[in-house]
Amino acid sequence: MSTAERDRTRSRPQKQAFLQRYEGPISSFADCLVVGIMVLLTFIPLVTGFAGFVAGCAILRARTRGEGKITPAAFWREFRAALRSSAGVVLIPAALGVLLVVDLFALYAGLGENPVMWIALGVVSAVVAVLGIRAAAAWRPGQHWVPTLQNAFRALGEDASGSLLLLGALATSIALALFTPMLTIVCLGPLVLGAVAIDTRLGRTTPARQD
């Protein structure tokens, strides 16, 4: 056996040990990036962004359970399921976004010179955003949105630490996107994973599909 062959033989167990140790984290990080890119694409029309976030949560949740793979087909399937679940998935987030923009323009125009108005708008926006993230992670195909929103609202107070973690993750993602727009590509994936992790630690189980 030549020296090169002996070196390859000795390096093979080391390579296998490396893959066994790091393949899981590396593949998980890659999954987050892929999901983040697909979710980001759904934000281009703006009104479909929330449905895209719901779909991202669904396929990452399935992936963490070993029940599926991160593919465009899987994402598209969950995305369509979210869109078909209710017209409110598109209309309500869009209406809230328009309302937030109008409020911001009003404050910049001088109608909100009192700093209390800015603080109030910030608090309300933060609560609504965390509520939306929790609801996106908690929804399952076939489940009605009203009880999902009710459960997410209760979780805001019952799991205050989780809500604060999601708020911190959201604020960090927004700050990174504002300072370095290119980082938007890698911000959404970890945020989706964080939403799934916070939802999973509450001990939720997948409800039966309602026909």
C-alpha atoms as a PDB file:
ATOM      1  CA  MET A   1       0.000   0.000   0.000  1.00  0.00           C
ATOM      2  CA  SER A   2       1.392   3.375  -0.984  1.00  0.00           C
ATOM      3  CA  THR A   3       1.836   6.290   1.393  1.00  0.00           C
ATOM      4  CA  ALA A   4      -1.054   8.189  -0.213  1.00  0.00           C
ATOM      5  CA  GLU A   5      -3.391   5.215   0.210  1.00  0.00           C
ATOM      6  CA  ARG A   6      -2.384   4.808   3.857  1.00  0.00           C
ATOM      7  CA  ASP A   7      -3.066   8.520   4.455  1.00  0.00           C
ATOM      8  CA  ARG A   8      -6.505   8.221   2.864  1.00  0.00           C
ATOM      9  CA  THR A   9      -7.281   5.150   4.962  1.00  0.00           C
ATOM     10  CA  ARG A  10      -6.260   6.908   8.181  1.00  0.00           C
ATOM     11  CA  SER A  11      -8.192  10.061   7.297  1.00  0.00           C
ATOM     12  CA  ARG A  12     -11.443   8.191   6.550  1.00  0.00           C
ATOM     13  CA  PRO A  13     -12.407   7.547  10.212  1.00  0.00           C
ATOM     14  CA  GLN A  14     -11.559  11.160  11.057  1.00  0.00           C
ATOM     15  CA  LYS A  15     -13.808  12.377   8.254  1.00  0.00           C
ATOM     16  CA  GLN A  16     -16.664  10.134   9.400  1.00  0.00           C
ATOM     17  CA  ALA A  17     -16.274  11.351  12.983  1.00  0.00           C
ATOM     18  CA  PHE A  18     -16.347  14.959  11.793  1.00  0.00           C
ATOM     19  CA  LEU A  19     -19.524  14.373   9.786  1.00  0.00           C
ATOM     20  CA  GLN A  20     -21.229  12.586  12.681  1.00  0.00           C
ATOM     21  CA  ARG A  21     -20.434  15.494  14.970  1.00  0.00           C
ATOM     22  CA  TYR A  22     -21.190  18.446  12.713  1.00  0.00           C
ATOM     23  CA  GLU A  23     -23.473  17.171   9.962  1.00  0.00           C
ATOM     24  CA  GLY A  24     -26.595  17.801  12.065  1.00  0.00           C
ATOM     25  CA  PRO A  25     -25.826  21.440  12.970  1.00  0.00           C
ATOM     26  CA  ILE A  26     -24.564  22.212   9.469  1.00  0.00           C
ATOM     27  CA  SER A  27     -27.648  20.764   7.786  1.00  0.00           C
ATOM     28  CA  SER A  28     -29.916  22.555  10.282  1.00  0.00           C
ATOM     29  CA  PHE A  29     -28.229  25.873   9.499  1.00  0.00           C
ATOM     30  CA  ALA A  30     -28.556  25.197   5.780  1.00  0.00           C
ATOM     31  CA  ASP A  31     -32.244  24.387   6.250  1.00  0.00           C
ATOM     32  CA  CYS A  32     -32.739  27.716   8.039  1.00  0.00           C
ATOM     33  CA  LEU A  33     -31.094  29.606   5.199  1.00  0.00           C
ATOM     34  CA  VAL A  34     -33.180  27.871   2.538  1.00  0.00           C
ATOM     35  CA  VAL A  35     -36.415  28.443   4.473  1.00  0.00           C
ATOM     36  CA  GLY A  36     -35.478  32.073   5.042  1.00  0.00           C
ATOM     37  CA  ILE A  37     -34.935  32.651   1.328  1.00  0.00           C
ATOM     38  CA  MET A  38     -38.271  31.063   0.428  1.00  0.00           C
ATOM     39  CA  VAL A  39     -40.094  33.100   3.074  1.00  0.00           C
ATOM     40  CA  LEU A  40     -38.352  36.252   1.876  1.00  0.00           C
ATOM     41  CA  LEU A  41     -39.635  35.644  -1.648  1.00  0.00           C
ATOM     42  CA  THR A  42     -43.213  35.596  -0.353  1.00  0.00           C
ATOM     43  CA  PHE A  43     -42.648  39.026   1.194  1.00  0.00           C
ATOM     44  CA  ILE A  44     -42.016  40.568  -2.224  1.00  0.00           C
ATOM     45  CA  PRO A  45     -45.776  41.004  -2.865  1.00  0.00           C
ATOM     46  CA  LEU A  46     -45.994  42.082   0.830  1.00  0.00           C
ATOM     47  CA  VAL A  47     -49.555  40.802   1.362  1.00  0.00           C
ATOM     48  CA  THR A  48     -48.469  37.157   1.165  1.00  0.00           C
ATOM     49  CA  GLY A  49     -45.609  37.526   3.634  1.00  0.00           C
ATOM     50  CA  PHE A  50     -47.530  36.225   6.639  1.00  0.00           C
ATOM     51  CA  ALA A  51     -48.688  33.131   4.734  1.00  0.00           C
ATOM     52  CA  GLY A  52     -45.066  32.555   3.739  1.00  0.00           C
ATOM     53  CA  PHE A  53     -43.983  32.769   7.378  1.00  0.00           C
ATOM     54  CA  VAL A  54     -46.672  30.228   8.291  1.00  0.00           C
ATOM     55  CA  ALA A  55     -45.401  27.895   5.565  1.00  0.00           C
ATOM     56  CA  GLY A  56     -41.818  28.306   6.755  1.00  0.00           C
ATOM     57  CA  CYS A  57     -42.814  27.359  10.295  1.00  0.00           C
ATOM     58  CA  ALA A  58     -44.674  24.306   9.001  1.00  0.00           C
ATOM     59  CA  ILE A  59     -41.828  22.813   6.968  1.00  0.00           C
ATOM     60  CA  LEU A  60     -39.179  23.563   9.609  1.00  0.00           C
ATOM     61  CA  ARG A  61     -41.371  21.954  12.289  1.00  0.00           C
ATOM     62  CA  ALA A  62     -41.758  18.865  10.103  1.00  0.00           C
ATOM     63  CA  ARG A  63     -38.017  18.836   9.423  1.00  0.00           C
ATOM     64  CA  THR A  64     -37.110  18.940  13.123  1.00  0.00           C
ATOM     65  CA  ARG A  65     -39.354  15.892  13.626  1.00  0.00           C
ATOM     66  CA  GLY A  66     -37.774  14.052  10.728  1.00  0.00           C
ATOM     67  CA  GLU A  67     -41.078  14.015   8.852  1.00  0.00           C
ATOM     68  CA  GLY A  68     -40.067  15.824   5.686  1.00  0.00           C
ATOM     69  CA  LYS A  69     -37.436  17.648   3.692  1.00  0.00           C
ATOM     70  CA  ILE A  70     -36.894  21.320   2.962  1.00  0.00           C
ATOM     71  CA  THR A  71     -37.882  21.617  -0.675  1.00  0.00           C
ATOM     72  CA  PRO A  72     -39.670  24.267  -2.756  1.00  0.00           C
ATOM     73  CA  ALA A  73     -42.480  21.773  -3.367  1.00  0.00           C
ATOM     74  CA  ALA A  74     -43.028  21.248   0.371  1.00  0.00           C
ATOM     75  CA  PHE A  75     -42.944  24.984   0.992  1.00  0.00           C
ATOM     76  CA  TRP A  76     -45.378  25.653  -1.849  1.00  0.00           C
ATOM     77  CA  ARG A  77     -47.775  23.021  -0.474  1.00  0.00           C
ATOM     78  CA  GLU A  78     -47.807  24.595   2.985  1.00  0.00           C
ATOM     79  CA  PHE A  79     -47.983  28.086   1.498  1.00  0.00           C
ATOM     80  CA  ARG A  80     -51.100  27.216  -0.491  1.00  0.00           C
ATOM     81  CA  ALA A  81     -52.647  25.584   2.588  1.00  0.00           C
ATOM     82  CA  ALA A  82     -52.103  28.787   4.563  1.00  0.00           C
ATOM     83  CA  LEU A  83     -53.572  30.955   1.804  1.00  0.00           C
ATOM     84  CA  ARG A  84     -56.625  28.726   1.478  1.00  0.00           C
ATOM     85  CA  SER A  85     -57.239  28.590   5.226  1.00  0.00           C
ATOM     86  CA  SER A  86     -58.772  32.071   5.383  1.00  0.00           C
ATOM     87  CA  ALA A  87     -58.880  35.336   3.453  1.00  0.00           C
ATOM     88  CA  GLY A  88     -57.801  37.011   6.681  1.00  0.00           C
ATOM     89  CA  VAL A  89     -54.322  35.504   6.283  1.00  0.00           C
ATOM     90  CA  VAL A  90     -53.804  38.034   3.500  1.00  0.00           C
ATOM     91  CA  LEU A  91     -56.217  40.847   4.391  1.00  0.00           C
ATOM     92  CA  ILE A  92     -55.583  41.291   8.128  1.00  0.00           C
ATOM     93  CA  PRO A  93     -51.743  41.542   7.991  1.00  0.00           C
ATOM     94  CA  ALA A  94     -52.047  43.871   5.005  1.00  0.00           C
ATOM     95  CA  ALA A  95     -54.550  46.085   6.844  1.00  0.00           C
ATOM     96  CA  LEU A  96     -52.340  46.197   9.936  1.00  0.00           C
ATOM     97  CA  GLY A  97     -49.345  47.111   7.789  1.00  0.00           C
ATOM     98  CA  VAL A  98     -51.236  49.953   6.116  1.00  0.00           C
ATOM     99  CA  LEU A  99     -52.434  51.180   9.512  1.00  0.00           C
ATOM    100  CA  LEU A 100     -48.883  51.179  10.859  1.00  0.00           C
ATOM    101  CA  VAL A 101     -47.605  53.147   7.856  1.00  0.00           C
ATOM    102  CA  VAL A 102     -50.415  55.706   8.229  1.00  0.00           C
ATOM    103  CA  ASP A 103     -49.625  56.112  11.929  1.00  0.00           C
ATOM    104  CA  LEU A 104     -45.943  56.607  11.192  1.00  0.00           C
ATOM    105  CA  PHE A 105     -46.673  59.270   8.588  1.00  0.00           C
ATOM    106  CA  ALA A 106     -49.015  60.991  11.033  1.00  0.00           C
ATOM    107  CA  LEU A 107     -46.341  61.045  13.720  1.00  0.00           C
ATOM    108  CA  TYR A 108     -43.699  62.331  11.320  1.00  0.00           C
ATOM    109  CA  ALA A 109     -46.121  65.045  10.198  1.00  0.00           C
ATOM    110  CA  GLY A 110     -46.176  66.438  13.727  1.00  0.00           C
ATOM    111  CA  LEU A 111     -49.390  64.954  15.013  1.00  0.00           C
ATOM    112  CA  GLY A 112     -47.449  62.974  17.568  1.00  0.00           C
ATOM    113  CA  GLU A 113     -44.970  65.434  19.063  1.00  0.00           C
ATOM    114  CA  ASN A 114     -45.578  63.859  22.452  1.00  0.00           C
ATOM    115  CA  PRO A 115     -43.031  61.011  22.901  1.00  0.00           C
ATOM    116  CA  VAL A 116     -45.740  59.002  24.644  1.00  0.00           C
ATOM    117  CA  MET A 117     -47.383  58.541  21.243  1.00  0.00           C
ATOM    118  CA  TRP A 118     -44.203  57.013  19.834  1.00  0.00           C
ATOM    119  CA  ILE A 119     -43.838  54.723  22.836  1.00  0.00           C
ATOM    120  CA  ALA A 120     -47.469  53.630  22.576  1.00  0.00           C
ATOM    121  CA  LEU A 121     -47.121  52.891  18.866  1.00  0.00           C
ATOM    122  CA  GLY A 122     -43.940  50.930  19.498  1.00  0.00           C
ATOM    123  CA  VAL A 123     -45.509  48.840  22.263  1.00  0.00           C
ATOM    124  CA  VAL A 124     -48.639  48.075  20.242  1.00  0.00           C
ATOM    125  CA  SER A 125     -46.569  47.195  17.168  1.00  0.00           C
ATOM    126  CA  ALA A 126     -44.341  44.884  19.216  1.00  0.00           C
ATOM    127  CA  VAL A 127     -47.305  43.070  20.770  1.00  0.00           C
ATOM    128  CA  VAL A 128     -49.028  42.629  17.407  1.00  0.00           C
ATOM    129  CA  ALA A 129     -45.813  41.404  15.776  1.00  0.00           C
ATOM    130  CA  VAL A 130     -45.080  38.807  18.485  1.00  0.00           C
ATOM    131  CA  LEU A 131     -48.721  37.731  18.430  1.00  0.00           C
ATOM    132  CA  GLY A 132     -48.494  37.199  14.676  1.00  0.00           C
ATOM    133  CA  ILE A 133     -45.267  35.200  14.994  1.00  0.00           C
ATOM    134  CA  ARG A 134     -46.757  32.993  17.703  1.00  0.00           C
ATOM    135  CA  ALA A 135     -49.941  32.459  15.689  1.00  0.00           C
ATOM    136  CA  ALA A 136     -47.945  31.560  12.564  1.00  0.00           C
ATOM    137  CA  ALA A 137     -46.015  28.908  14.475  1.00  0.00           C
ATOM    138  CA  ALA A 138     -49.073  27.564  16.293  1.00  0.00           C
ATOM    139  CA  TRP A 139     -51.349  27.115  13.272  1.00  0.00           C
ATOM    140  CA  ARG A 140     -51.807  23.681  11.719  1.00  0.00           C
ATOM    141  CA  PRO A 141     -53.559  22.756   8.447  1.00  0.00           C
ATOM    142  CA  GLY A 142     -57.258  22.307   9.090  1.00  0.00           C
ATOM    143  CA  GLN A 143     -57.207  24.360  12.271  1.00  0.00           C
ATOM    144  CA  HIS A 144     -59.360  27.483  12.554  1.00  0.00           C
ATOM    145  CA  TRP A 145     -57.563  30.791  12.980  1.00  0.00           C
ATOM    146  CA  VAL A 146     -59.781  32.190  15.747  1.00  0.00           C
ATOM    147  CA  PRO A 147     -58.744  29.608  18.396  1.00  0.00           C
ATOM    148  CA  THR A 148     -55.181  29.803  17.091  1.00  0.00           C
ATOM    149  CA  LEU A 149     -55.093  33.555  17.713  1.00  0.00           C
ATOM    150  CA  GLN A 150     -56.735  33.101  21.110  1.00  0.00           C
ATOM    151  CA  ASN A 151     -54.112  30.551  22.146  1.00  0.00           C
ATOM    152  CA  ALA A 152     -51.327  32.772  20.830  1.00  0.00           C
ATOM    153  CA  PHE A 153     -52.705  35.738  22.762  1.00  0.00           C
ATOM    154  CA  ARG A 154     -52.830  33.726  25.986  1.00  0.00           C
ATOM    155  CA  ALA A 155     -49.286  32.535  25.368  1.00  0.00           C
ATOM    156  CA  LEU A 156     -48.066  36.142  25.317  1.00  0.00           C
ATOM    157  CA  GLY A 157     -48.557  36.333  29.066  1.00  0.00           C
ATOM    158  CA  GLU A 158     -48.299  32.676  30.063  1.00  0.00           C
ATOM    159  CA  ASP A 159     -44.929  32.357  28.333  1.00  0.00           C
ATOM    160  CA  ALA A 160     -43.633  35.880  28.809  1.00  0.00           C
ATOM    161  CA  SER A 161     -40.007  34.789  28.523  1.00  0.00           C
ATOM    162  CA  GLY A 162     -40.697  33.192  25.148  1.00  0.00           C
ATOM    163  CA  SER A 163     -42.477  36.337  23.982  1.00  0.00           C
ATOM    164  CA  LEU A 164     -39.492  38.450  25.004  1.00  0.00           C
ATOM    165  CA  LEU A 165     -37.135  36.096  23.182  1.00  0.00           C
ATOM    166  CA  LEU A 166     -39.203  36.395  20.013  1.00  0.00           C
ATOM    167  CA  LEU A 167     -39.324  40.164  20.378  1.00  0.00           C
ATOM    168  CA  GLY A 168     -35.551  40.276  20.771  1.00  0.00           C
ATOM    169  CA  ALA A 169     -35.069  38.042  17.739  1.00  0.00           C
ATOM    170  CA  LEU A 170     -37.420  40.210  15.690  1.00  0.00           C
ATOM    171  CA  ALA A 171     -35.713  43.428  16.770  1.00  0.00           C
ATOM    172  CA  THR A 172     -32.299  41.976  15.967  1.00  0.00           C
ATOM    173  CA  SER A 173     -33.470  40.838  12.525  1.00  0.00           C
ATOM    174  CA  ILE A 174     -34.917  44.275  11.743  1.00  0.00           C
ATOM    175  CA  ALA A 175     -31.774  46.046  12.943  1.00  0.00           C
ATOM    176  CA  LEU A 176     -29.516  43.804  10.845  1.00  0.00           C
ATOM    177  CA  ALA A 177     -31.723  44.282   7.784  1.00  0.00           C
ATOM    178  CA  LEU A 178     -31.710  48.068   8.205  1.00  0.00           C
ATOM    179  CA  PHE A 179     -27.965  48.398   8.720  1.00  0.00           C
ATOM    180  CA  THR A 180     -26.989  45.761   6.153  1.00  0.00           C
ATOM    181  CA  PRO A 181     -29.848  44.973   3.744  1.00  0.00           C
ATOM    182  CA  MET A 182     -28.004  41.954   2.328  1.00  0.00           C
ATOM    183  CA  LEU A 183     -28.342  40.246   5.728  1.00  0.00           C
ATOM    184  CA  THR A 184     -32.112  40.111   5.198  1.00  0.00           C
ATOM    185  CA  ILE A 185     -31.483  36.855   3.346  1.00  0.00           C
ATOM    186  CA  VAL A 186     -30.153  35.170   6.500  1.00  0.00           C
ATOM    187  CA  CYS A 187     -32.406  36.849   9.082  1.00  0.00           C
ATOM    188  CA  LEU A 188     -35.776  35.276   8.380  1.00  0.00           C
ATOM    189  CA  GLY A 189     -34.685  31.637   8.642  1.00  0.00           C
ATOM    190  CA  PRO A 190     -33.451  31.826  12.266  1.00  0.00           C
ATOM    191  CA  LEU A 191     -36.531  33.880  13.168  1.00  0.00           C
ATOM    192  CA  VAL A 192     -38.791  31.141  11.774  1.00  0.00           C
ATOM    193  CA  LEU A 193     -36.812  28.487  13.647  1.00  0.00           C
ATOM    194  CA  GLY A 194     -37.071  30.520  16.854  1.00  0.00           C
ATOM    195  CA  ALA A 195     -40.845  30.750  16.465  1.00  0.00           C
ATOM    196  CA  VAL A 196     -41.086  26.979  15.999  1.00  0.00           C
ATOM    197  CA  ALA A 197     -38.816  26.345  18.995  1.00  0.00           C
ATOM    198  CA  ILE A 198     -40.839  28.627  21.283  1.00  0.00           C
ATOM    199  CA  ASP A 199     -44.081  27.018  20.136  1.00  0.00           C
ATOM    200  CA  THR A 200     -42.685  23.503  20.572  1.00  0.00           C
ATOM    201  CA  ARG A 201     -41.543  24.079  24.135  1.00  0.00           C
ATOM    202  CA  LEU A 202     -45.140  24.794  25.135  1.00  0.00           C
ATOM    203  CA  GLY A 203     -45.837  21.117  24.526  1.00  0.00           C
ATOM    204  CA  ARG A 204     -48.188  21.598  21.610  1.00  0.00           C
ATOM    205  CA  THR A 205     -49.342  18.618  19.635  1.00  0.00           C
ATOM    206  CA  THR A 206     -50.492  18.623  16.053  1.00  0.00           C
ATOM    207  CA  PRO A 207     -54.303  18.677  16.027  1.00  0.00           C
ATOM    208  CA  ALA A 208     -56.287  16.376  13.829  1.00  0.00           C
ATOM    209  CA  ARG A 209     -56.996  17.739  10.387  1.00  0.00           C
ATOM    210  CA  GLN A 210     -60.530  19.039  10.125  1.00  0.00           C
ATOM    211  CA  ASP A 211     -62.250  18.132   6.890  1.00  0.00           C
END
